[in-house]
Amino acid sequence: MTETADMGWQRRDFLAGLALLGLAVGPAAAVVAATKASAASQPAQQALMRDVAQIVIPRTDTAGAGDVGAGSFVLLALEHGLENAHKPVTEPALAGFAGADGRFDHPRWLAQELDRRTGGDFARAAPAARRAAVAGLDRDAFAQVPTAQPWHTIKNLILIGYYTSEVGGSQELQYELVPTRFDPDLPMTPATRAYSSDWTAIDFG
């Protein structure tokens, strides 16, 4: 009787442990699975955002934003509402890009806007035409009063994604985890790079 009771208790402990493990791991696994499914089901958006990120921060002596995956970061960040991406649309001119829940569809807006600026198909346009389209969008967006301009959100996320990557944070910028001393007056040249560990020196706007 005692042996049977002990076996029953161990079984209950085991099942309870599985339940707790499911509670701990299940939501995280679901989020990962949903994120992968969402990203994999929209290859055109992935390609568009990778190309746009690479135009915003092109490859020089360090990798560009598209190279380090900043485009994928932007799509994930938009899904999760970073930079007020889930804020309901209030501008009448942008109402056509609102989903059923009122959230703005940034990737769809960007694709349509860049297609318009390249005469119909941004993905097939010549590299110079694509760069001109993004530069024109950037110029027009920041010439306006910064209200509900979708490009502001997208560009900010590209910059955040790049400068928090390993390349952006430790190669494009300088990184020094623990400063050795305080120097109030340092010589600066055009080649001087900001420190990624000094957030007061970084402006994502």
C-alpha atoms as a PDB file:
ATOM      1  CA  MET A   1       0.000   0.000   0.000  1.00  0.00           C
ATOM      2  CA  THR A   2       2.802   2.369   0.903  1.00  0.00           C
ATOM      3  CA  GLU A   3       4.683   1.498  -2.287  1.00  0.00           C
ATOM      4  CA  THR A   4       1.565   2.139  -4.381  1.00  0.00           C
ATOM      5  CA  ALA A   5       0.977   5.452  -2.616  1.00  0.00           C
ATOM      6  CA  ASP A   6       4.603   6.455  -3.125  1.00  0.00           C
ATOM      7  CA  MET A   7       4.382   5.631  -6.840  1.00  0.00           C
ATOM      8  CA  GLY A   8       1.182   7.658  -7.095  1.00  0.00           C
ATOM      9  CA  TRP A   9       2.798  10.590  -5.323  1.00  0.00           C
ATOM     10  CA  GLN A  10       5.841  10.456  -7.582  1.00  0.00           C
ATOM     11  CA  ARG A  11       3.559  10.344 -10.628  1.00  0.00           C
ATOM     12  CA  ARG A  12       1.642  13.367  -9.375  1.00  0.00           C
ATOM     13  CA  ASP A  13       4.917  15.201  -8.733  1.00  0.00           C
ATOM     14  CA  PHE A  14       6.084  14.367 -12.223  1.00  0.00           C
ATOM     15  CA  LEU A  15       2.838  15.532 -13.857  1.00  0.00           C
ATOM     16  CA  ALA A  16       2.808  18.690 -11.778  1.00  0.00           C
ATOM     17  CA  GLY A  17       6.380  19.371 -12.843  1.00  0.00           C
ATOM     18  CA  LEU A  18       5.415  18.923 -16.472  1.00  0.00           C
ATOM     19  CA  ALA A  19       2.535  21.344 -15.999  1.00  0.00           C
ATOM     20  CA  LEU A  20       4.819  23.950 -14.432  1.00  0.00           C
ATOM     21  CA  LEU A  21       7.360  23.436 -17.190  1.00  0.00           C
ATOM     22  CA  GLY A  22       4.617  23.891 -19.766  1.00  0.00           C
ATOM     23  CA  LEU A  23       3.545  27.133 -18.128  1.00  0.00           C
ATOM     24  CA  ALA A  24       7.115  28.411 -18.114  1.00  0.00           C
ATOM     25  CA  VAL A  25       8.209  27.226 -21.553  1.00  0.00           C
ATOM     26  CA  GLY A  26       4.924  27.133 -23.459  1.00  0.00           C
ATOM     27  CA  PRO A  27       4.323  30.874 -23.917  1.00  0.00           C
ATOM     28  CA  ALA A  28       7.931  31.514 -24.857  1.00  0.00           C
ATOM     29  CA  ALA A  29       7.887  28.646 -27.338  1.00  0.00           C
ATOM     30  CA  ALA A  30       4.629  29.920 -28.776  1.00  0.00           C
ATOM     31  CA  VAL A  31       6.087  33.392 -29.223  1.00  0.00           C
ATOM     32  CA  VAL A  32       9.172  31.995 -30.947  1.00  0.00           C
ATOM     33  CA  ALA A  33       7.066  29.785 -33.211  1.00  0.00           C
ATOM     34  CA  ALA A  34       4.700  32.623 -34.069  1.00  0.00           C
ATOM     35  CA  THR A  35       7.599  34.970 -34.795  1.00  0.00           C
ATOM     36  CA  LYS A  36       9.295  32.450 -37.062  1.00  0.00           C
ATOM     37  CA  ALA A  37       6.030  31.692 -38.871  1.00  0.00           C
ATOM     38  CA  SER A  38       5.280  35.377 -39.348  1.00  0.00           C
ATOM     39  CA  ALA A  39       8.755  36.155 -40.639  1.00  0.00           C
ATOM     40  CA  ALA A  40       8.872  33.115 -42.913  1.00  0.00           C
ATOM     41  CA  SER A  41       5.420  33.729 -44.383  1.00  0.00           C
ATOM     42  CA  GLN A  42       6.310  37.201 -45.679  1.00  0.00           C
ATOM     43  CA  PRO A  43       9.594  36.921 -47.599  1.00  0.00           C
ATOM     44  CA  ALA A  44       8.772  40.015 -49.673  1.00  0.00           C
ATOM     45  CA  GLN A  45       8.617  42.145 -46.522  1.00  0.00           C
ATOM     46  CA  GLN A  46      11.875  40.635 -45.285  1.00  0.00           C
ATOM     47  CA  ALA A  47      13.596  41.429 -48.575  1.00  0.00           C
ATOM     48  CA  LEU A  48      12.178  44.959 -48.728  1.00  0.00           C
ATOM     49  CA  MET A  49      13.186  45.847 -45.170  1.00  0.00           C
ATOM     50  CA  ARG A  50      16.656  44.334 -45.609  1.00  0.00           C
ATOM     51  CA  ASP A  51      17.230  46.426 -48.752  1.00  0.00           C
ATOM     52  CA  VAL A  52      15.882  49.613 -47.165  1.00  0.00           C
ATOM     53  CA  ALA A  53      18.016  49.115 -44.049  1.00  0.00           C
ATOM     54  CA  GLN A  54      21.086  48.618 -46.246  1.00  0.00           C
ATOM     55  CA  ILE A  55      20.337  51.881 -48.083  1.00  0.00           C
ATOM     56  CA  VAL A  56      19.926  53.791 -44.818  1.00  0.00           C
ATOM     57  CA  ILE A  57      23.242  52.460 -43.461  1.00  0.00           C
ATOM     58  CA  PRO A  58      25.254  51.068 -46.382  1.00  0.00           C
ATOM     59  CA  ARG A  59      28.332  48.886 -46.168  1.00  0.00           C
ATOM     60  CA  THR A  60      31.590  50.809 -45.765  1.00  0.00           C
ATOM     61  CA  ASP A  61      34.575  49.473 -43.845  1.00  0.00           C
ATOM     62  CA  THR A  62      31.954  47.845 -41.616  1.00  0.00           C
ATOM     63  CA  ALA A  63      28.860  45.849 -42.510  1.00  0.00           C
ATOM     64  CA  GLY A  64      25.670  47.695 -43.410  1.00  0.00           C
ATOM     65  CA  ALA A  65      22.362  47.572 -41.589  1.00  0.00           C
ATOM     66  CA  GLY A  66      20.918  45.027 -43.990  1.00  0.00           C
ATOM     67  CA  ASP A  67      23.989  42.835 -43.584  1.00  0.00           C
ATOM     68  CA  VAL A  68      23.572  42.575 -39.803  1.00  0.00           C
ATOM     69  CA  GLY A  69      19.824  41.794 -39.879  1.00  0.00           C
ATOM     70  CA  ALA A  70      18.461  45.201 -38.897  1.00  0.00           C
ATOM     71  CA  GLY A  71      15.618  44.738 -41.385  1.00  0.00           C
ATOM     72  CA  SER A  72      14.405  41.605 -39.630  1.00  0.00           C
ATOM     73  CA  PHE A  73      14.686  43.435 -36.320  1.00  0.00           C
ATOM     74  CA  VAL A  74      12.453  46.215 -37.665  1.00  0.00           C
ATOM     75  CA  LEU A  75       9.706  43.776 -38.669  1.00  0.00           C
ATOM     76  CA  LEU A  76       9.851  42.036 -35.300  1.00  0.00           C
ATOM     77  CA  ALA A  77       9.859  45.363 -33.453  1.00  0.00           C
ATOM     78  CA  LEU A  78       6.844  46.571 -35.435  1.00  0.00           C
ATOM     79  CA  GLU A  79       4.961  43.382 -34.566  1.00  0.00           C
ATOM     80  CA  HIS A  80       5.637  43.997 -30.883  1.00  0.00           C
ATOM     81  CA  GLY A  81       4.797  47.702 -30.935  1.00  0.00           C
ATOM     82  CA  LEU A  82       8.200  49.322 -30.379  1.00  0.00           C
ATOM     83  CA  GLU A  83       8.474  53.049 -31.101  1.00  0.00           C
ATOM     84  CA  ASN A  84       4.670  53.380 -30.707  1.00  0.00           C
ATOM     85  CA  ALA A  85       4.147  51.187 -33.773  1.00  0.00           C
ATOM     86  CA  HIS A  86       0.778  49.988 -32.434  1.00  0.00           C
ATOM     87  CA  LYS A  87      -0.544  53.495 -31.942  1.00  0.00           C
ATOM     88  CA  PRO A  88      -3.912  53.798 -33.752  1.00  0.00           C
ATOM     89  CA  VAL A  89      -3.933  55.734 -37.009  1.00  0.00           C
ATOM     90  CA  THR A  90      -5.326  59.254 -36.692  1.00  0.00           C
ATOM     91  CA  GLU A  91      -4.212  60.846 -39.974  1.00  0.00           C
ATOM     92  CA  PRO A  92      -6.989  60.599 -42.605  1.00  0.00           C
ATOM     93  CA  ALA A  93      -4.439  60.177 -45.414  1.00  0.00           C
ATOM     94  CA  LEU A  94      -3.087  57.033 -43.725  1.00  0.00           C
ATOM     95  CA  ALA A  95      -6.410  55.465 -42.795  1.00  0.00           C
ATOM     96  CA  GLY A  96      -6.220  52.977 -45.664  1.00  0.00           C
ATOM     97  CA  PHE A  97      -3.220  51.295 -44.034  1.00  0.00           C
ATOM     98  CA  ALA A  98      -4.938  50.605 -40.719  1.00  0.00           C
ATOM     99  CA  GLY A  99      -5.779  47.022 -39.843  1.00  0.00           C
ATOM    100  CA  ALA A 100      -8.991  45.785 -38.286  1.00  0.00           C
ATOM    101  CA  ASP A 101      -7.599  46.596 -34.837  1.00  0.00           C
ATOM    102  CA  GLY A 102      -6.614  50.126 -35.873  1.00  0.00           C
ATOM    103  CA  ARG A 103      -2.898  49.423 -35.933  1.00  0.00           C
ATOM    104  CA  PHE A 104      -0.881  50.908 -38.763  1.00  0.00           C
ATOM    105  CA  ASP A 105       0.623  48.485 -41.297  1.00  0.00           C
ATOM    106  CA  HIS A 106       4.089  49.986 -41.685  1.00  0.00           C
ATOM    107  CA  PRO A 107       5.526  47.362 -44.093  1.00  0.00           C
ATOM    108  CA  ARG A 108       2.567  47.630 -46.477  1.00  0.00           C
ATOM    109  CA  TRP A 109       2.738  51.427 -46.402  1.00  0.00           C
ATOM    110  CA  LEU A 110       6.485  51.403 -47.042  1.00  0.00           C
ATOM    111  CA  ALA A 111       6.183  48.971 -49.959  1.00  0.00           C
ATOM    112  CA  GLN A 112       3.478  51.060 -51.621  1.00  0.00           C
ATOM    113  CA  GLU A 113       5.283  54.352 -51.010  1.00  0.00           C
ATOM    114  CA  LEU A 114       8.573  53.104 -52.462  1.00  0.00           C
ATOM    115  CA  ASP A 115       6.809  51.478 -55.418  1.00  0.00           C
ATOM    116  CA  ARG A 116       5.205  54.842 -56.160  1.00  0.00           C
ATOM    117  CA  ARG A 117       8.521  56.653 -55.953  1.00  0.00           C
ATOM    118  CA  THR A 118      10.241  54.194 -58.336  1.00  0.00           C
ATOM    119  CA  GLY A 119       7.476  54.139 -60.900  1.00  0.00           C
ATOM    120  CA  GLY A 120       5.809  50.898 -59.919  1.00  0.00           C
ATOM    121  CA  ASP A 121       8.229  48.255 -58.591  1.00  0.00           C
ATOM    122  CA  PHE A 122      10.899  49.155 -56.022  1.00  0.00           C
ATOM    123  CA  ALA A 123      12.233  45.584 -55.904  1.00  0.00           C
ATOM    124  CA  ARG A 124      13.051  45.596 -59.632  1.00  0.00           C
ATOM    125  CA  ALA A 125      14.251  49.189 -59.868  1.00  0.00           C
ATOM    126  CA  ALA A 126      17.897  50.050 -60.524  1.00  0.00           C
ATOM    127  CA  PRO A 127      20.044  50.527 -57.398  1.00  0.00           C
ATOM    128  CA  ALA A 128      20.389  54.274 -58.039  1.00  0.00           C
ATOM    129  CA  ALA A 129      16.617  54.649 -58.360  1.00  0.00           C
ATOM    130  CA  ARG A 130      16.060  52.733 -55.125  1.00  0.00           C
ATOM    131  CA  ARG A 131      18.551  54.880 -53.245  1.00  0.00           C
ATOM    132  CA  ALA A 132      16.909  58.019 -54.647  1.00  0.00           C
ATOM    133  CA  ALA A 133      13.470  56.785 -53.573  1.00  0.00           C
ATOM    134  CA  VAL A 134      14.565  56.168 -49.978  1.00  0.00           C
ATOM    135  CA  ALA A 135      16.474  59.465 -49.860  1.00  0.00           C
ATOM    136  CA  GLY A 136      13.419  61.322 -51.159  1.00  0.00           C
ATOM    137  CA  LEU A 137      11.151  59.641 -48.639  1.00  0.00           C
ATOM    138  CA  ASP A 138      13.558  60.522 -45.840  1.00  0.00           C
ATOM    139  CA  ARG A 139      13.858  64.134 -46.977  1.00  0.00           C
ATOM    140  CA  ASP A 140      10.093  64.595 -47.283  1.00  0.00           C
ATOM    141  CA  ALA A 141       9.363  62.904 -43.967  1.00  0.00           C
ATOM    142  CA  PHE A 142      11.763  64.998 -41.920  1.00  0.00           C
ATOM    143  CA  ALA A 143      10.796  68.227 -43.679  1.00  0.00           C
ATOM    144  CA  GLN A 144       7.365  67.898 -42.080  1.00  0.00           C
ATOM    145  CA  VAL A 145       6.375  68.520 -38.499  1.00  0.00           C
ATOM    146  CA  PRO A 146       7.147  65.156 -36.841  1.00  0.00           C
ATOM    147  CA  THR A 147       3.612  64.027 -36.146  1.00  0.00           C
ATOM    148  CA  ALA A 148       2.338  60.671 -37.386  1.00  0.00           C
ATOM    149  CA  GLN A 149       4.973  60.027 -40.053  1.00  0.00           C
ATOM    150  CA  PRO A 150       5.465  56.264 -40.514  1.00  0.00           C
ATOM    151  CA  TRP A 151       8.993  56.672 -41.864  1.00  0.00           C
ATOM    152  CA  HIS A 152      10.133  58.149 -38.536  1.00  0.00           C
ATOM    153  CA  THR A 153       9.219  54.907 -36.781  1.00  0.00           C
ATOM    154  CA  ILE A 154      10.814  52.684 -39.423  1.00  0.00           C
ATOM    155  CA  LYS A 155      14.059  54.664 -39.617  1.00  0.00           C
ATOM    156  CA  ASN A 156      14.398  54.873 -35.835  1.00  0.00           C
ATOM    157  CA  LEU A 157      14.043  51.092 -35.624  1.00  0.00           C
ATOM    158  CA  ILE A 158      16.657  50.583 -38.356  1.00  0.00           C
ATOM    159  CA  LEU A 159      19.099  52.742 -36.395  1.00  0.00           C
ATOM    160  CA  ILE A 160      18.307  51.003 -33.110  1.00  0.00           C
ATOM    161  CA  GLY A 161      18.638  47.577 -34.709  1.00  0.00           C
ATOM    162  CA  TYR A 162      21.979  48.452 -36.256  1.00  0.00           C
ATOM    163  CA  TYR A 163      23.623  50.261 -33.360  1.00  0.00           C
ATOM    164  CA  THR A 164      22.625  47.597 -30.858  1.00  0.00           C
ATOM    165  CA  SER A 165      24.082  44.855 -33.060  1.00  0.00           C
ATOM    166  CA  GLU A 166      27.612  43.590 -32.470  1.00  0.00           C
ATOM    167  CA  VAL A 167      28.922  45.309 -35.594  1.00  0.00           C
ATOM    168  CA  GLY A 168      27.134  48.592 -34.983  1.00  0.00           C
ATOM    169  CA  GLY A 169      27.890  48.713 -31.286  1.00  0.00           C
ATOM    170  CA  SER A 170      31.526  47.599 -31.267  1.00  0.00           C
ATOM    171  CA  GLN A 171      32.891  48.281 -34.767  1.00  0.00           C
ATOM    172  CA  GLU A 172      30.971  51.206 -36.236  1.00  0.00           C
ATOM    173  CA  LEU A 173      30.984  52.816 -32.802  1.00  0.00           C
ATOM    174  CA  GLN A 174      33.659  52.507 -30.130  1.00  0.00           C
ATOM    175  CA  TYR A 175      32.855  50.383 -27.107  1.00  0.00           C
ATOM    176  CA  GLU A 176      34.411  50.748 -23.685  1.00  0.00           C
ATOM    177  CA  LEU A 177      32.509  48.992 -20.920  1.00  0.00           C
ATOM    178  CA  VAL A 178      34.349  50.628 -17.996  1.00  0.00           C
ATOM    179  CA  PRO A 179      36.010  53.996 -18.714  1.00  0.00           C
ATOM    180  CA  THR A 180      39.466  54.190 -17.153  1.00  0.00           C
ATOM    181  CA  ARG A 181      39.379  57.875 -16.271  1.00  0.00           C
ATOM    182  CA  PHE A 182      37.487  61.099 -16.873  1.00  0.00           C
ATOM    183  CA  ASP A 183      38.894  63.358 -19.583  1.00  0.00           C
ATOM    184  CA  PRO A 184      36.920  66.602 -19.853  1.00  0.00           C
ATOM    185  CA  ASP A 185      38.658  67.760 -23.037  1.00  0.00           C
ATOM    186  CA  LEU A 186      39.613  65.311 -25.761  1.00  0.00           C
ATOM    187  CA  PRO A 187      40.764  66.084 -29.302  1.00  0.00           C
ATOM    188  CA  MET A 188      38.215  65.127 -31.957  1.00  0.00           C
ATOM    189  CA  THR A 189      38.653  64.632 -35.689  1.00  0.00           C
ATOM    190  CA  PRO A 190      36.207  63.674 -38.458  1.00  0.00           C
ATOM    191  CA  ALA A 191      37.356  60.076 -37.898  1.00  0.00           C
ATOM    192  CA  THR A 192      36.434  60.088 -34.187  1.00  0.00           C
ATOM    193  CA  ARG A 193      33.641  57.639 -33.471  1.00  0.00           C
ATOM    194  CA  ALA A 194      31.050  57.918 -30.723  1.00  0.00           C
ATOM    195  CA  TYR A 195      30.995  55.369 -27.916  1.00  0.00           C
ATOM    196  CA  SER A 196      28.131  52.902 -28.007  1.00  0.00           C
ATOM    197  CA  SER A 197      28.292  52.628 -24.207  1.00  0.00           C
ATOM    198  CA  ASP A 198      27.675  56.380 -23.893  1.00  0.00           C
ATOM    199  CA  TRP A 199      23.964  56.715 -24.608  1.00  0.00           C
ATOM    200  CA  THR A 200      24.091  60.493 -24.158  1.00  0.00           C
ATOM    201  CA  ALA A 201      26.171  60.655 -27.351  1.00  0.00           C
ATOM    202  CA  ILE A 202      23.668  58.726 -29.479  1.00  0.00           C
ATOM    203  CA  ASP A 203      20.579  60.271 -30.993  1.00  0.00           C
ATOM    204  CA  PHE A 204      18.319  57.886 -32.880  1.00  0.00           C
ATOM    205  CA  GLY A 205      16.091  60.729 -34.114  1.00  0.00           C
END
